[in-house]
């Protein structure tokens, strides 16, 4: 083999060797890929790098963790006790350290507990089981609680006469701990118990003098039987009775023995046909009578009464010796809505010339008309209107009402548009002019930008010559009584329409007087 032939053979051999090695490398890769694919197909995942989840919450200080527990429902807080012995101690400390013991259904099982809970065929059996759970839960919490003093106790569940001994024991425990606020809410929903099967509140415990610290008492759906010489409620400042049967002699006993009472609320109570609230002492400042439909006439004589609220059917209300009464809430819903305003002005407000603040709740008519010969009252400074209506309701019907109070300084309108039927009511070309020279502030809640709302706002801007601020708020709030409001964060339907919103804003801006401010939230 000559030299040239040998060199050519070596080159071919080297090339062949490189090709073989390249093929083996490709085969190796394919083999590994096939092997990996086979493992995945068989459900065997390739090994991954392990990640550890570190518990960051447990590193927080003890006081912060206990505060977090206080934000949970009792049911969720109890669940944390299974995490570790440390969390178990946290829960125990949380129960032991509480000054407020809230044993209501929502705190026990969450806010959605009542939704459809007892609507099935076995509801009586289910109710008994849930009642036993509730009793056990309250007993366990009272056993764990170690504080010498308790500020507030709330009991809320479907309990009646069968649970007397448990309720007596819990109330006695609360009174022994110097409780200041006691709420016993034995609501029944559709399990309406006859009066003889309801729980009888233990007034005898107070006769022993152990309830001397109690300042706030609320009772619902139970029996309150007061002895004539009852003296155990003489420390009460607020008393709220709901869904109770009350005879006139029981009302008299309460009023004569609660010498420090400032707030009295009667709601959905079965009261005598003529309810007489006569107070001989000077403390009672706030009286609320709501949905007591058996009452046919109300007579009030209280020299220190500063606020009165009535919500129910149209009834004669007589005021005697009420020189301090400056705040009045009236919610009347007769068949003809305009009659409600006439009734309030001619039969109630006319007895109270010193009135300064008036809350008026009513359903609106599409064409609400008021007479022009209503009397005027010069002391009223603030008017709060809470109408319910539709996009066809006529707000201009309130103009006659504004004339009744010529020295108004502030108007609040909390409008609840319940229905939106067909085309909205068209705006009038020009409303009648009537200057309101003392009106400085207007707040319009539940504003949806409909024509009936815009025309009333425009009327106020044009006629309130001293106006300083008008606030437009698409959200509205519900009045719950005793000067308490519940905010509804749902925006008025019309305000979600961008075109309507912008058009309303432009119309109002044109009429804002110089120096006044339009605030749109």
Protein backbone atom coordinates (compact mmCIF):
# COMPACT_ATOMS: atom_id res chain seq x y z
CA UNK A 1 0.00 0.00 0.00
CA UNK A 2 1.60 3.21 -1.17
CA UNK A 3 1.68 6.34 0.87
CA UNK A 4 -1.24 8.08 -0.85
CA UNK A 5 -3.51 5.06 -0.47
CA UNK A 6 -2.67 4.72 3.22
CA UNK A 7 -3.46 8.38 3.94
CA UNK A 8 -6.81 8.09 2.12
CA UNK A 9 -7.70 4.96 4.16
CA UNK A 10 -6.90 6.74 7.46
CA UNK A 11 -9.09 9.71 6.52
CA UNK A 12 -12.04 7.44 5.67
CA UNK A 13 -11.61 5.51 8.91
CA UNK A 14 -11.57 8.67 10.96
CA UNK A 15 -14.69 9.97 9.22
CA UNK A 16 -16.48 6.67 9.75
CA UNK A 17 -15.52 6.70 13.45
CA UNK A 18 -16.85 10.18 13.93
CA UNK A 19 -20.15 9.22 12.27
CA UNK A 20 -20.53 6.19 14.52
CA UNK A 21 -19.88 8.24 17.66
CA UNK A 22 -22.39 10.84 16.50
CA UNK A 23 -25.02 8.13 15.95
CA UNK A 24 -24.42 6.71 19.42
CA UNK A 25 -24.81 10.11 20.97
CA UNK A 26 -28.14 10.61 19.15
CA UNK A 27 -29.26 7.14 20.20
CA UNK A 28 -28.40 7.90 23.80
CA UNK A 29 -30.44 11.07 23.77
CA UNK A 30 -33.38 9.29 22.19
CA UNK A 31 -33.15 6.51 24.73
CA UNK A 32 -33.20 8.97 27.61
CA UNK A 33 -36.13 10.83 26.04
CA UNK A 34 -38.05 7.59 25.53
CA UNK A 35 -37.31 6.57 29.10
CA UNK A 36 -38.49 9.92 30.43
CA UNK A 37 -41.65 9.75 28.30
CA UNK A 38 -42.35 6.26 29.60
CA UNK A 39 -42.08 7.41 33.22
CA UNK A 40 -44.51 10.28 32.60
CA UNK A 41 -46.94 7.96 30.82
CA UNK A 42 -46.86 5.54 33.73
CA UNK A 43 -47.64 8.35 36.16
CA UNK A 44 -44.12 8.56 37.54
CA UNK A 45 -43.05 12.18 37.50
CA UNK A 46 -39.36 12.94 37.28
CA UNK A 47 -37.85 14.00 40.57
CA UNK A 48 -38.10 17.70 41.29
CA UNK A 49 -36.38 19.96 43.67
CA UNK A 50 -38.22 19.91 46.97
CA UNK A 51 -39.69 23.18 48.24
CA UNK A 52 -40.44 23.74 51.90
CA UNK A 53 -43.35 25.98 52.97
CA UNK A 54 -42.32 28.00 55.99
CA UNK A 55 -44.94 29.13 58.55
CA UNK A 56 -44.52 32.90 58.70
CA UNK A 57 -47.64 33.69 60.78
CA UNK A 58 -46.40 31.82 63.85
CA UNK A 59 -43.41 34.15 64.08
CA UNK A 60 -45.73 37.07 64.93
CA UNK A 61 -45.93 38.23 68.57
CA UNK A 62 -48.49 36.54 70.80
CA UNK A 63 -50.63 39.66 71.24
CA UNK A 64 -50.98 40.10 67.47
CA UNK A 65 -52.03 36.47 67.04
CA UNK A 66 -54.64 36.80 69.77
CA UNK A 67 -55.89 39.99 68.09
CA UNK A 68 -56.22 38.07 64.79
CA UNK A 69 -58.34 35.48 66.60
CA UNK A 70 -60.62 38.24 67.86
CA UNK A 71 -61.46 39.13 64.23
CA UNK A 72 -62.72 35.61 63.47
CA UNK A 73 -66.02 33.99 64.29
CA UNK A 74 -65.92 31.74 67.32
CA UNK A 75 -66.15 28.69 65.07
CA UNK A 76 -63.14 29.68 62.97
CA UNK A 77 -61.15 30.73 66.02
CA UNK A 78 -61.77 27.33 67.61
CA UNK A 79 -60.44 25.60 64.48
CA UNK A 80 -57.01 27.16 64.98
CA UNK A 81 -56.60 25.20 68.24
CA UNK A 82 -55.85 22.00 66.28
CA UNK A 83 -52.80 23.52 64.55
CA UNK A 84 -50.41 23.08 67.47
CA UNK A 85 -50.23 23.27 71.24
CA UNK A 86 -49.15 26.91 70.91
CA UNK A 87 -52.30 27.79 68.94
CA UNK A 88 -54.36 25.83 71.44
CA UNK A 89 -52.98 28.04 74.20
CA UNK A 90 -53.73 31.12 72.09
CA UNK A 91 -57.37 30.12 71.75
CA UNK A 92 -57.65 29.39 75.45
CA UNK A 93 -56.12 32.78 76.29
CA UNK A 94 -58.45 34.42 73.79
CA UNK A 95 -61.54 32.94 75.48
CA UNK A 96 -60.25 33.66 78.98
CA UNK A 97 -59.39 37.30 78.30
CA UNK A 98 -62.57 38.45 76.53
CA UNK A 99 -64.68 41.07 78.26
CA UNK A 100 -67.51 40.60 75.72
CA UNK A 101 -69.13 37.18 75.32
CA UNK A 102 -71.04 37.08 72.05
CA UNK A 103 -73.03 33.85 71.78
CA UNK A 104 -75.10 34.58 68.70
CA UNK A 105 -75.73 32.32 65.74
CA UNK A 106 -73.52 34.26 63.32
CA UNK A 107 -70.58 34.20 65.74
CA UNK A 108 -71.00 30.48 66.27
CA UNK A 109 -71.56 29.25 62.72
CA UNK A 110 -71.02 32.18 60.36
CA UNK A 111 -73.36 34.76 58.87
CA UNK A 112 -74.89 32.33 56.33
CA UNK A 113 -76.05 29.88 59.01
CA UNK A 114 -79.74 30.86 58.88
CA UNK A 115 -80.09 30.70 55.10
CA UNK A 116 -82.24 27.65 54.44
CA UNK A 117 -80.94 25.89 57.55
CA UNK A 118 -84.27 24.69 58.94
CA UNK A 119 -86.36 24.46 55.78
CA UNK A 120 -86.40 20.69 55.28
CA UNK A 121 -88.90 18.11 56.49
CA UNK A 122 -86.82 17.07 59.51
CA UNK A 123 -86.47 20.60 60.81
CA UNK A 124 -87.82 19.83 64.30
CA UNK A 125 -85.20 17.10 64.80
CA UNK A 126 -82.51 19.30 63.29
CA UNK A 127 -83.51 22.18 65.52
CA UNK A 128 -83.18 20.01 68.64
CA UNK A 129 -79.73 18.85 67.56
CA UNK A 130 -78.57 22.40 66.84
CA UNK A 131 -80.04 23.61 70.14
CA UNK A 132 -78.04 20.96 72.03
CA UNK A 133 -74.88 22.04 70.20
CA UNK A 134 -75.53 25.65 71.09
CA UNK A 135 -76.03 24.87 74.79
CA UNK A 136 -72.84 22.81 74.89
CA UNK A 137 -70.92 25.59 73.10
CA UNK A 138 -72.05 28.28 75.56
CA UNK A 139 -71.32 26.05 78.57
CA UNK A 140 -67.80 25.33 77.32
CA UNK A 141 -67.05 29.02 76.81
CA UNK A 142 -68.35 29.99 80.22
CA UNK A 143 -66.20 27.21 81.72
CA UNK A 144 -63.07 28.51 79.95
CA UNK A 145 -63.72 32.15 80.81
CA UNK A 146 -61.64 33.20 83.81
CA UNK A 147 -62.06 36.98 83.98
CA UNK A 148 -63.51 38.37 87.17
CA UNK A 149 -65.59 40.90 85.25
CA UNK A 150 -67.65 40.72 82.06
CA UNK A 151 -68.77 43.86 80.24
CA UNK A 152 -71.31 42.42 77.78
CA UNK A 153 -73.11 39.12 77.13
CA UNK A 154 -75.26 38.32 74.10
CA UNK A 155 -77.39 35.16 73.83
CA UNK A 156 -79.14 34.45 70.54
CA UNK A 157 -80.75 31.19 69.48
CA UNK A 158 -84.07 29.35 69.14
CA UNK A 159 -84.60 28.76 72.86
CA UNK A 160 -87.82 28.58 74.84
CA UNK A 161 -89.29 27.23 78.05
CA UNK A 162 -87.44 23.90 77.66
CA UNK A 163 -84.13 25.74 78.06
CA UNK A 164 -85.11 27.67 81.20
CA UNK A 165 -82.46 26.21 83.50
CA UNK A 166 -79.65 26.84 81.02
CA UNK A 167 -80.68 30.43 80.36
CA UNK A 168 -81.13 31.12 84.08
CA UNK A 169 -77.66 29.75 84.77
CA UNK A 170 -76.02 31.86 82.04
CA UNK A 171 -77.79 35.06 83.08
CA UNK A 172 -76.94 34.45 86.72
CA UNK A 173 -73.28 33.94 85.74
CA UNK A 174 -73.29 37.21 83.78
CA UNK A 175 -74.86 39.15 86.65
CA UNK A 176 -72.35 37.68 89.11
CA UNK A 177 -69.57 38.95 86.84
CA UNK A 178 -70.95 42.49 86.94
CA UNK A 179 -72.22 42.55 83.36
CA UNK A 180 -73.18 46.01 82.10
CA UNK A 181 -74.84 45.03 78.80
CA UNK A 182 -77.13 42.00 78.49
CA UNK A 183 -78.83 40.99 75.23
CA UNK A 184 -81.21 37.99 75.32
CA UNK A 185 -82.48 37.40 71.77
CA UNK A 186 -84.59 34.23 71.58
CA UNK A 187 -85.82 34.88 68.06
CA UNK A 188 -88.04 32.23 66.52
CA UNK A 189 -88.30 32.95 62.77
CA UNK A 190 -91.07 30.62 61.57
CA UNK A 191 -90.93 28.66 64.85
CA UNK A 192 -93.21 31.20 66.47
CA UNK A 193 -93.74 29.99 70.01
CA UNK A 194 -96.96 30.63 71.85
CA UNK A 195 -96.46 32.94 74.81
CA UNK A 196 -96.86 30.14 77.39
CA UNK A 197 -93.97 28.19 75.84
CA UNK A 198 -91.52 31.09 75.86
CA UNK A 199 -88.67 31.64 78.28
CA UNK A 200 -89.60 33.60 81.39
CA UNK A 201 -86.96 36.19 82.17
CA UNK A 202 -85.68 35.69 85.78
CA UNK A 203 -86.64 38.98 87.42
CA UNK A 204 -86.14 37.31 90.81
CA UNK A 205 -82.37 37.37 90.24
CA UNK A 206 -82.45 41.17 90.14
CA UNK A 207 -84.51 41.29 93.33
CA UNK A 208 -81.51 39.73 95.08
CA UNK A 209 -79.44 42.79 94.24
CA UNK A 210 -76.91 41.10 91.96
CA UNK A 211 -77.83 43.13 88.87
CA UNK A 212 -76.76 46.49 90.21
CA UNK A 213 -74.14 46.97 87.46
CA UNK A 214 -76.51 46.33 84.54
CA UNK A 215 -76.97 49.45 82.40
CA UNK A 216 -78.18 48.13 79.03
CA UNK A 217 -80.83 45.41 78.66
CA UNK A 218 -82.43 44.03 75.49
CA UNK A 219 -85.03 41.26 75.55
CA UNK A 220 -86.62 39.59 72.52
CA UNK A 221 -89.24 36.84 72.28
CA UNK A 222 -89.54 35.99 75.96
CA UNK A 223 -91.87 36.67 78.91
CA UNK A 224 -91.29 39.65 81.18
CA UNK A 225 -93.39 39.38 84.33
CA UNK A 226 -92.62 42.21 86.73
CA UNK A 227 -93.69 42.24 90.37
CA UNK A 228 -95.31 45.54 91.47
CA UNK A 229 -92.40 46.33 93.79
CA UNK A 230 -89.70 45.53 91.22
CA UNK A 231 -86.54 47.45 92.11
CA UNK A 232 -83.85 45.47 90.34
CA UNK A 233 -83.80 47.63 87.20
CA UNK A 234 -82.93 50.90 88.92
CA UNK A 235 -79.47 50.98 87.30
CA UNK A 236 -80.73 50.63 83.71
CA UNK A 237 -79.86 53.41 81.25
CA UNK A 238 -81.21 51.77 78.06
CA UNK A 239 -84.03 49.22 77.77
CA UNK A 240 -85.14 47.61 74.48
CA UNK A 241 -88.10 45.21 74.42
CA UNK A 242 -88.98 43.35 71.22
CA UNK A 243 -91.74 40.83 70.51
CA UNK A 244 -93.05 40.87 74.08
CA UNK A 245 -96.53 41.12 75.58
CA UNK A 246 -96.85 44.19 77.78
CA UNK A 247 -99.85 45.28 79.81
CA UNK A 248 -100.19 48.91 80.89
CA UNK A 249 -99.44 48.06 84.53
CA UNK A 250 -96.15 46.45 83.45
CA UNK A 251 -95.23 49.57 81.47
CA UNK A 252 -96.03 51.69 84.53
CA UNK A 253 -93.91 49.45 86.75
CA UNK A 254 -90.96 49.76 84.39
CA UNK A 255 -91.22 53.53 84.15
CA UNK A 256 -91.65 54.03 87.89
CA UNK A 257 -88.76 51.76 88.93
CA UNK A 258 -86.14 52.60 86.27
CA UNK A 259 -85.11 55.92 87.75
CA UNK A 260 -81.98 56.27 85.55
CA UNK A 261 -83.57 55.16 82.27
CA UNK A 262 -82.70 57.40 79.28
CA UNK A 263 -83.52 55.19 76.23
CA UNK A 264 -86.70 53.12 75.90
CA UNK A 265 -87.49 51.09 72.76
CA UNK A 266 -90.67 49.08 72.19
CA UNK A 267 -90.59 47.12 68.94
CA UNK A 268 -93.20 44.69 67.65
CA UNK A 269 -94.64 44.40 71.14
CA UNK A 270 -98.23 43.46 71.96
CA UNK A 271 -99.20 46.58 73.90
CA UNK A 272 -102.54 47.86 75.19
CA UNK A 273 -104.86 49.72 72.82
CA UNK A 274 -104.08 52.99 74.61
CA UNK A 275 -100.39 53.15 75.42
CA UNK A 276 -99.62 55.70 78.09
CA UNK A 277 -95.99 56.75 78.55
CA UNK A 278 -96.05 58.92 81.64
CA UNK A 279 -92.70 59.58 83.29
CA UNK A 280 -92.50 61.30 86.65
CA UNK A 281 -88.69 61.52 86.73
CA UNK A 282 -86.42 63.63 84.54
CA UNK A 283 -84.08 61.06 82.95
CA UNK A 284 -86.01 59.62 79.94
CA UNK A 285 -84.66 61.38 76.86
CA UNK A 286 -85.28 58.98 73.95
CA UNK A 287 -88.43 56.98 73.17
CA UNK A 288 -88.88 54.63 70.19
CA UNK A 289 -92.15 52.85 69.36
CA UNK A 290 -91.91 50.66 66.24
CA UNK A 291 -94.40 48.22 64.68
CA UNK A 292 -96.63 47.95 67.75
CA UNK A 293 -99.74 47.56 65.61
CA UNK A 294 -102.17 46.68 68.43
CA UNK A 295 -101.79 50.20 69.79
CA UNK A 296 -104.65 52.50 68.73
CA UNK A 297 -103.62 55.61 70.62
CA UNK A 298 -100.40 56.88 72.23
CA UNK A 299 -100.19 59.41 75.06
CA UNK A 300 -96.80 60.78 76.08
CA UNK A 301 -95.94 62.91 79.07
CA UNK A 302 -92.20 63.23 79.73
CA UNK A 303 -90.65 66.56 80.60
CA UNK A 304 -87.06 65.57 79.64
CA UNK A 305 -87.89 63.74 76.41
CA UNK A 306 -85.58 65.06 73.66
CA UNK A 307 -86.19 62.53 70.86
CA UNK A 308 -89.23 60.50 69.81
CA UNK A 309 -89.43 57.93 67.01
CA UNK A 310 -92.60 56.30 65.74
CA UNK A 311 -92.85 53.82 62.88
CA UNK A 312 -96.14 52.11 62.17
CA UNK A 313 -99.76 52.70 61.22
CA UNK A 314 -101.38 56.09 61.44
CA UNK A 315 -102.47 56.57 65.03
CA UNK A 316 -103.42 59.57 67.21
CA UNK A 317 -100.40 60.67 69.25
CA UNK A 318 -100.87 63.10 72.10
CA UNK A 319 -97.98 65.07 73.63
CA UNK A 320 -98.19 66.73 77.04
CA UNK A 321 -95.41 68.47 78.91
CA UNK A 322 -92.60 67.75 76.40
CA UNK A 323 -90.74 71.10 76.28
CA UNK A 324 -87.38 69.46 75.48
CA UNK A 325 -88.59 67.43 72.49
CA UNK A 326 -86.59 68.78 69.51
CA UNK A 327 -86.01 65.65 67.39
CA UNK A 328 -88.83 63.65 65.77
CA UNK A 329 -88.84 60.61 63.47
CA UNK A 330 -92.11 59.55 61.85
CA UNK A 331 -92.55 56.62 59.47
CA UNK A 332 -96.16 56.33 58.26
CA UNK A 333 -97.37 54.29 55.30
CA UNK A 334 -101.09 54.85 54.69
CA UNK A 335 -102.71 53.87 51.37
CA UNK A 336 -102.47 57.46 50.12
CA UNK A 337 -98.89 58.61 50.59
CA UNK A 338 -99.50 62.36 50.56
CA UNK A 339 -101.76 61.84 53.58
CA UNK A 340 -98.68 60.84 55.59
CA UNK A 341 -97.14 64.30 55.24
CA UNK A 342 -100.44 66.06 55.96
CA UNK A 343 -100.92 63.87 59.04
CA UNK A 344 -97.40 64.59 60.33
CA UNK A 345 -97.70 68.35 59.85
CA UNK A 346 -101.28 68.93 60.98
CA UNK A 347 -101.59 66.35 63.78
CA UNK A 348 -98.08 65.87 65.19
CA UNK A 349 -95.71 68.73 64.37
CA UNK A 350 -98.37 71.29 65.27
CA UNK A 351 -98.13 70.03 68.88
CA UNK A 352 -94.35 70.61 68.91
CA UNK A 353 -93.55 74.19 67.91
CA UNK A 354 -90.08 73.83 69.48
CA UNK A 355 -89.12 71.03 67.03
CA UNK A 356 -85.69 71.47 65.36
CA UNK A 357 -85.03 68.19 63.49
CA UNK A 358 -87.64 66.16 61.58
CA UNK A 359 -87.10 62.72 60.00
CA UNK A 360 -89.86 61.74 57.61
CA UNK A 361 -90.07 58.29 55.99
CA UNK A 362 -92.76 57.54 53.42
CA UNK A 363 -93.60 55.89 50.10
CA UNK A 364 -93.83 58.35 47.22
CA UNK A 365 -96.57 58.74 44.65
CA UNK A 366 -96.00 59.56 41.01
CA UNK A 367 -98.08 62.71 41.45
CA UNK A 368 -97.83 63.73 45.07
CA UNK A 369 -99.78 66.91 45.77
CA UNK A 370 -99.94 68.79 49.06
CA UNK A 371 -102.30 71.63 49.96
CA UNK A 372 -100.93 75.16 50.01
CA UNK A 373 -102.60 76.12 53.28
CA UNK A 374 -100.40 74.07 55.63
CA UNK A 375 -99.21 75.90 58.77
CA UNK A 376 -95.60 77.10 59.05
CA UNK A 377 -93.02 76.32 61.75
CA UNK A 378 -90.09 78.64 62.27
CA UNK A 379 -87.88 76.60 64.62
CA UNK A 380 -87.18 73.61 62.37
CA UNK A 381 -83.56 73.74 61.17
CA UNK A 382 -82.98 70.27 59.66
CA UNK A 383 -85.24 68.10 57.49
CA UNK A 384 -84.33 64.48 56.67
CA UNK A 385 -86.52 62.90 53.97
CA UNK A 386 -86.41 59.14 53.37
CA UNK A 387 -88.75 58.46 50.44
CA UNK A 388 -89.20 55.18 48.58
CA UNK A 389 -90.37 55.42 45.00
CA UNK A 390 -89.63 54.86 41.33
CA UNK A 391 -88.09 56.74 38.42
CA UNK A 392 -91.54 58.29 37.91
CA UNK A 393 -91.93 59.73 41.42
CA UNK A 394 -92.48 63.48 41.61
CA UNK A 395 -89.99 65.13 43.95
CA UNK A 396 -91.47 68.55 43.30
CA UNK A 397 -94.31 67.54 45.60
CA UNK A 398 -91.88 68.29 48.44
CA UNK A 399 -91.85 72.01 47.53
CA UNK A 400 -95.03 72.58 49.54
CA UNK A 401 -93.39 70.82 52.49
CA UNK A 402 -90.33 73.10 52.29
CA UNK A 403 -92.62 76.12 52.49
CA UNK A 404 -93.89 74.82 55.84
CA UNK A 405 -90.36 75.21 57.27
CA UNK A 406 -89.11 78.57 55.98
CA UNK A 407 -86.01 78.67 58.24
CA UNK A 408 -84.52 75.35 57.14
CA UNK A 409 -80.73 75.29 57.11
CA UNK A 410 -80.06 71.69 56.06
CA UNK A 411 -81.87 69.11 53.92
CA UNK A 412 -80.92 65.44 53.64
CA UNK A 413 -82.60 63.25 51.06
CA UNK A 414 -82.07 59.49 51.35
CA UNK A 415 -83.83 58.20 48.25
CA UNK A 416 -84.46 54.51 47.61
CA UNK A 417 -85.55 53.89 44.02
CA UNK A 418 -87.37 50.56 44.30
CA UNK A 419 -88.67 50.21 40.74
CA UNK A 420 -87.74 51.49 37.29
CA UNK A 421 -90.88 51.16 35.16
CA UNK A 422 -90.70 52.13 31.49
CA UNK A 423 -89.57 55.61 30.52
CA UNK A 424 -88.53 57.88 33.41
CA UNK A 425 -90.68 60.86 34.27
CA UNK A 426 -89.85 63.86 32.07
CA UNK A 427 -88.49 67.05 33.61
CA UNK A 428 -90.77 70.04 33.85
CA UNK A 429 -89.66 73.12 31.97
CA UNK A 430 -89.67 75.31 35.05
CA UNK A 431 -90.72 74.61 38.62
CA UNK A 432 -92.46 77.27 40.65
CA UNK A 433 -90.06 79.66 42.36
CA UNK A 434 -89.92 79.93 46.14
CA UNK A 435 -86.80 81.40 47.76
CA UNK A 436 -85.26 79.50 50.67
CA UNK A 437 -82.99 82.17 52.04
CA UNK A 438 -81.70 80.17 55.05
CA UNK A 439 -80.91 76.87 53.35
CA UNK A 440 -77.12 76.31 53.33
CA UNK A 441 -76.53 72.57 52.94
CA UNK A 442 -78.16 69.88 50.77
CA UNK A 443 -77.16 66.20 50.82
CA UNK A 444 -78.74 63.89 48.22
CA UNK A 445 -78.12 60.16 48.81
CA UNK A 446 -79.15 57.44 46.34
CA UNK A 447 -78.89 59.84 43.40
CA UNK A 448 -79.21 57.95 40.10
CA UNK A 449 -79.28 60.85 37.63
CA UNK A 450 -82.92 60.39 36.61
CA UNK A 451 -84.90 63.46 35.46
CA UNK A 452 -87.12 63.54 38.57
CA UNK A 453 -84.01 63.70 40.77
CA UNK A 454 -82.24 66.29 38.63
CA UNK A 455 -85.22 68.66 38.56
CA UNK A 456 -85.48 68.66 42.36
CA UNK A 457 -81.73 69.30 42.72
CA UNK A 458 -81.97 72.12 40.16
CA UNK A 459 -84.92 73.62 42.02
CA UNK A 460 -82.88 73.74 45.24
CA UNK A 461 -79.85 75.27 43.49
CA UNK A 462 -81.98 78.00 41.92
CA UNK A 463 -84.04 78.86 45.01
CA UNK A 464 -81.60 78.38 47.90
CA UNK A 465 -80.01 81.81 47.69
CA UNK A 466 -77.61 81.17 50.61
CA UNK A 467 -76.59 77.62 49.67
CA UNK A 468 -72.97 76.74 50.42
CA UNK A 469 -72.71 73.02 49.62
CA UNK A 470 -74.64 70.41 47.67
CA UNK A 471 -73.39 66.83 47.94
CA UNK A 472 -74.49 64.20 45.44
CA UNK A 473 -73.92 60.60 46.55
CA UNK A 474 -75.06 57.59 44.44
CA UNK A 475 -74.94 55.32 47.51
CA UNK A 476 -77.65 55.33 50.14
CA UNK A 477 -78.05 54.25 53.75
CA UNK A 478 -80.91 52.57 55.59
CA UNK A 479 -82.13 54.07 58.83
CA UNK A 480 -82.34 51.45 61.60
CA UNK A 481 -83.72 53.60 64.38
CA UNK A 482 -82.22 55.31 67.41
CA UNK A 483 -79.98 57.44 65.20
CA UNK A 484 -78.25 54.40 63.65
CA UNK A 485 -77.64 54.05 59.91
CA UNK A 486 -76.56 51.01 57.90
CA UNK A 487 -74.59 51.90 54.78
CA UNK A 488 -75.57 50.24 51.51
CA UNK A 489 -72.57 50.28 49.18
CA UNK A 490 -74.67 49.34 46.17
CA UNK A 491 -74.66 52.27 43.76
CA UNK A 492 -77.94 53.69 42.49
CA UNK A 493 -78.87 51.95 39.26
CA UNK A 494 -79.02 55.04 37.05
CA UNK A 495 -75.59 56.27 38.14
CA UNK A 496 -73.89 53.29 36.46
CA UNK A 497 -74.85 54.75 33.07
CA UNK A 498 -71.90 56.97 32.06
CA UNK A 499 -73.97 59.09 29.66
CA UNK A 500 -76.67 59.77 32.26
CA UNK A 501 -74.04 60.52 34.89
CA UNK A 502 -72.16 63.04 32.73
CA UNK A 503 -75.38 64.70 31.55
CA UNK A 504 -76.65 65.13 35.12
CA UNK A 505 -73.32 66.58 36.23
CA UNK A 506 -73.31 69.16 33.43
CA UNK A 507 -76.89 70.24 34.15
CA UNK A 508 -76.18 70.74 37.84
CA UNK A 509 -72.88 72.57 37.27
CA UNK A 510 -74.64 75.22 35.19
CA UNK A 511 -76.87 76.25 38.09
CA UNK A 512 -74.36 76.24 40.97
CA UNK A 513 -74.40 79.79 42.43
CA UNK A 514 -71.22 81.77 42.80
CA UNK A 515 -69.43 80.83 46.01
CA UNK A 516 -71.28 77.52 46.38
CA UNK A 517 -69.72 74.09 46.02
CA UNK A 518 -71.05 71.02 44.19
CA UNK A 519 -69.55 67.77 45.47
CA UNK A 520 -70.21 64.59 43.49
CA UNK A 521 -69.01 61.43 45.20
